[in-house]
Protein backbone atom coordinates (compact mmCIF):
# COMPACT_ATOMS: atom_id res chain seq x y z
CA MET A 1 5.64 -19.31 2.25
CA LYS A 2 7.51 -20.08 -0.96
CA LYS A 3 4.24 -20.89 -2.75
CA PHE A 4 2.77 -17.48 -1.95
CA MET A 5 5.90 -15.60 -3.00
CA GLU A 6 5.86 -17.56 -6.26
CA MET A 7 2.29 -16.34 -6.80
CA ALA A 8 3.39 -12.74 -6.15
CA LEU A 9 6.20 -13.21 -8.69
CA GLU A 10 3.70 -14.56 -11.25
CA GLU A 11 1.49 -11.51 -10.65
CA ALA A 12 4.46 -9.21 -11.21
CA GLN A 13 5.26 -11.03 -14.44
CA LYS A 14 1.63 -10.62 -15.60
CA GLY A 15 1.81 -6.92 -14.95
CA ILE A 16 5.07 -6.57 -16.86
CA LEU A 17 3.72 -8.50 -19.86
CA LYS A 18 0.55 -6.38 -19.92
CA GLY A 19 2.49 -3.14 -19.50
CA ASP A 20 0.35 -2.28 -16.46
CA GLY A 21 3.19 -0.84 -14.38
CA GLY A 22 6.37 -1.71 -12.53
CA PRO A 23 7.67 -5.20 -11.69
CA PHE A 24 5.71 -5.59 -8.50
CA GLY A 25 3.25 -8.32 -7.56
CA ALA A 26 1.51 -9.07 -4.29
CA VAL A 27 -0.66 -11.68 -2.61
CA ILE A 28 -2.62 -11.46 0.64
CA VAL A 29 -3.11 -14.72 2.54
CA LYS A 30 -5.21 -15.55 5.60
CA ASP A 31 -5.08 -18.91 7.34
CA GLY A 32 -3.21 -20.41 4.40
CA GLU A 33 -5.81 -19.26 1.84
CA VAL A 34 -5.15 -16.66 -0.85
CA ILE A 35 -7.58 -13.79 -0.30
CA ALA A 36 -6.34 -11.46 -3.06
CA ALA A 37 -3.63 -11.24 -5.71
CA GLY A 38 -2.57 -8.41 -7.95
CA HIS A 39 0.21 -6.40 -9.48
CA ASN A 40 1.24 -2.80 -10.00
CA GLU A 41 -1.36 -0.99 -12.13
CA VAL A 42 0.01 2.57 -12.06
CA VAL A 43 0.38 2.85 -15.85
CA LYS A 44 -2.80 0.91 -16.66
CA SER A 45 -5.01 3.05 -14.42
CA ASN A 46 -3.10 6.35 -14.51
CA ASP A 47 -3.20 6.14 -10.73
CA PRO A 48 0.06 6.83 -8.87
CA THR A 49 -1.34 4.98 -5.83
CA ALA A 50 -2.04 1.72 -7.71
CA HIS A 51 1.00 -0.08 -6.31
CA ALA A 52 0.67 -3.85 -6.00
CA GLU A 53 0.26 -3.64 -2.22
CA ILE A 54 -2.53 -1.06 -2.47
CA VAL A 55 -4.29 -3.07 -5.20
CA VAL A 56 -4.33 -6.26 -3.09
CA ILE A 57 -5.24 -4.47 0.15
CA ARG A 58 -8.28 -3.01 -1.63
CA ARG A 59 -9.25 -6.38 -3.08
CA ALA A 60 -8.78 -8.24 0.20
CA SER A 61 -10.75 -5.62 2.11
CA GLN A 62 -13.63 -5.96 -0.35
CA LYS A 63 -13.56 -9.75 -0.23
CA LEU A 64 -13.43 -9.88 3.57
CA GLN A 65 -15.77 -6.90 3.92
CA SER A 66 -13.42 -5.32 6.42
CA PHE A 67 -11.00 -2.40 6.44
CA HIS A 68 -8.92 -4.26 9.05
CA LEU A 69 -7.02 -7.25 7.74
CA GLU A 70 -5.86 -8.73 11.04
CA GLY A 71 -4.36 -12.16 10.68
CA CYS A 72 -3.51 -11.57 7.02
CA GLU A 73 -0.06 -11.79 5.52
CA LEU A 74 1.25 -9.88 2.52
CA TYR A 75 3.73 -11.42 0.10
CA VAL A 76 5.23 -8.84 -2.24
CA THR A 77 8.07 -8.76 -4.74
CA GLY A 78 9.53 -5.49 -3.44
CA GLU A 79 10.06 -3.88 -0.05
CA PRO A 80 7.10 -1.53 0.46
CA CYS A 81 7.49 2.17 -0.27
CA PRO A 82 6.41 4.74 2.36
CA MET A 83 2.85 4.91 0.97
CA CYS A 84 2.44 1.14 1.01
CA PHE A 85 4.12 0.91 4.42
CA SER A 86 1.46 3.27 5.74
CA ALA A 87 -1.38 1.37 4.04
CA ILE A 88 -0.09 -1.89 5.51
CA HIS A 89 -0.31 -0.37 8.98
CA TRP A 90 -3.76 1.17 8.37
CA ALA A 91 -4.93 -2.29 7.24
CA HIS A 92 -3.44 -3.95 10.36
CA LEU A 93 -1.73 -6.73 8.42
CA ALA A 94 0.03 -9.28 10.62
CA ARG A 95 3.15 -9.86 8.53
CA VAL A 96 4.88 -8.76 5.33
CA VAL A 97 7.28 -10.93 3.35
CA TYR A 98 9.21 -9.26 0.51
CA CYS A 99 12.08 -10.29 -1.73
CA ASN A 100 13.70 -7.27 -3.44
CA THR A 101 14.89 -4.42 -1.22
CA LYS A 102 14.39 -0.66 -1.61
CA GLN A 103 18.00 -0.49 -2.82
CA ASP A 104 17.24 -3.10 -5.49
CA ALA A 105 14.22 -1.03 -6.59
CA ALA A 106 16.25 2.19 -6.65
CA ARG A 107 18.77 0.58 -9.00
CA ILE A 108 16.02 0.06 -11.60
CA GLY A 109 14.42 3.49 -11.23
CA PHE A 110 12.02 3.10 -8.29
CA ASP A 111 13.76 5.25 -5.69
CA ASP A 112 11.67 6.42 -2.75
CA ALA A 113 14.61 7.84 -0.78
CA LEU A 114 13.39 11.42 -1.37
CA ILE A 115 10.06 10.65 0.32
CA THR A 116 11.73 8.84 3.21
CA ASP A 117 14.23 11.68 3.67
CA ILE A 118 11.45 14.30 3.70
CA MET A 119 9.42 12.26 6.20
CA LEU A 120 12.45 11.91 8.48
CA GLY A 121 13.31 15.61 8.20
CA ARG A 122 16.60 14.98 6.40
CA ARG A 123 15.55 17.06 3.36
CA PRO A 124 13.23 19.99 2.87
CA ASP A 125 9.89 19.21 1.25
CA PRO A 126 9.67 20.62 -2.30
CA ILE A 127 5.86 20.66 -1.99
CA ARG A 128 4.47 23.60 -0.09
CA PHE A 129 1.94 22.62 2.58
CA VAL A 130 -0.19 25.48 3.93
CA HIS A 131 -2.25 25.27 7.11
CA ASP A 132 -5.49 27.19 6.59
CA PRO A 133 -7.60 26.82 9.74
CA HIS A 134 -11.31 27.22 9.19
CA ARG A 135 -14.12 26.97 11.75
CA ARG A 136 -16.31 24.85 9.45
CA CYS A 137 -13.50 22.33 9.07
CA LYS A 138 -13.09 22.12 12.84
CA SER A 139 -16.83 21.65 13.27
CA LEU A 140 -16.76 18.68 10.86
CA PHE A 141 -14.20 16.99 13.10
CA GLU A 142 -16.22 17.80 16.21
CA LYS A 143 -19.46 16.54 14.67
CA TRP A 144 -17.83 13.24 13.69
CA TYR A 145 -16.12 12.87 17.07
CA GLU A 146 -19.41 13.38 18.93
CA ASP A 147 -21.34 10.90 16.78
CA PRO A 148 -22.08 7.85 18.98
CA ASN A 149 -22.44 5.68 15.84
CA LYS A 150 -19.05 6.51 14.33
CA VAL A 151 -16.79 3.67 13.33
CA LEU A 152 -13.20 4.14 14.41
CA TYR A 153 -10.43 2.84 12.23
C-alpha cells in the first residue's frame, strides 16, 4: 500500500512542477499492478473536471476497456471531492486510500464544503436549475429503455 501512495505523491509532485493544477496525484491498482497514474490537470487542460481521480479513472477505463473498474483500488493524495466521489462510485472501484483530508485541502484553498452543503440541503443552490419537460426528451429515454441491445451501467 505504501508503494502505491508513494507513486500518487510522485504524480502530485510532477503536476505541481509542471504547473498542471493542484497538489493531487492518483494511482489505480488491480491485483497489485499499476493500471493508471496521473495528477490534477485542471490548469493544463482548462477542464474543471480534470481532477487526479477523474484523470486516472479515464486512463484505467481505457486500458482495461471497461467502464466498470471492479477489483481496482485508488490511491490518491487527497480525500475525494463530491465529483470524484461520484465518479468513484460510477466506476465501481473496490477501495480508496487517501492521505490528506477535505479539511487539509480547504486550508490550502480547495474547499468543497459549499458543494457538499448544497447536496445535503444545508444551503440554497446559487445555480438555478429549471425543469423543462419535453415530449421528445421523454421519447429518447423510452427509446433507449426499450432497446434490447442497450448496455446498462
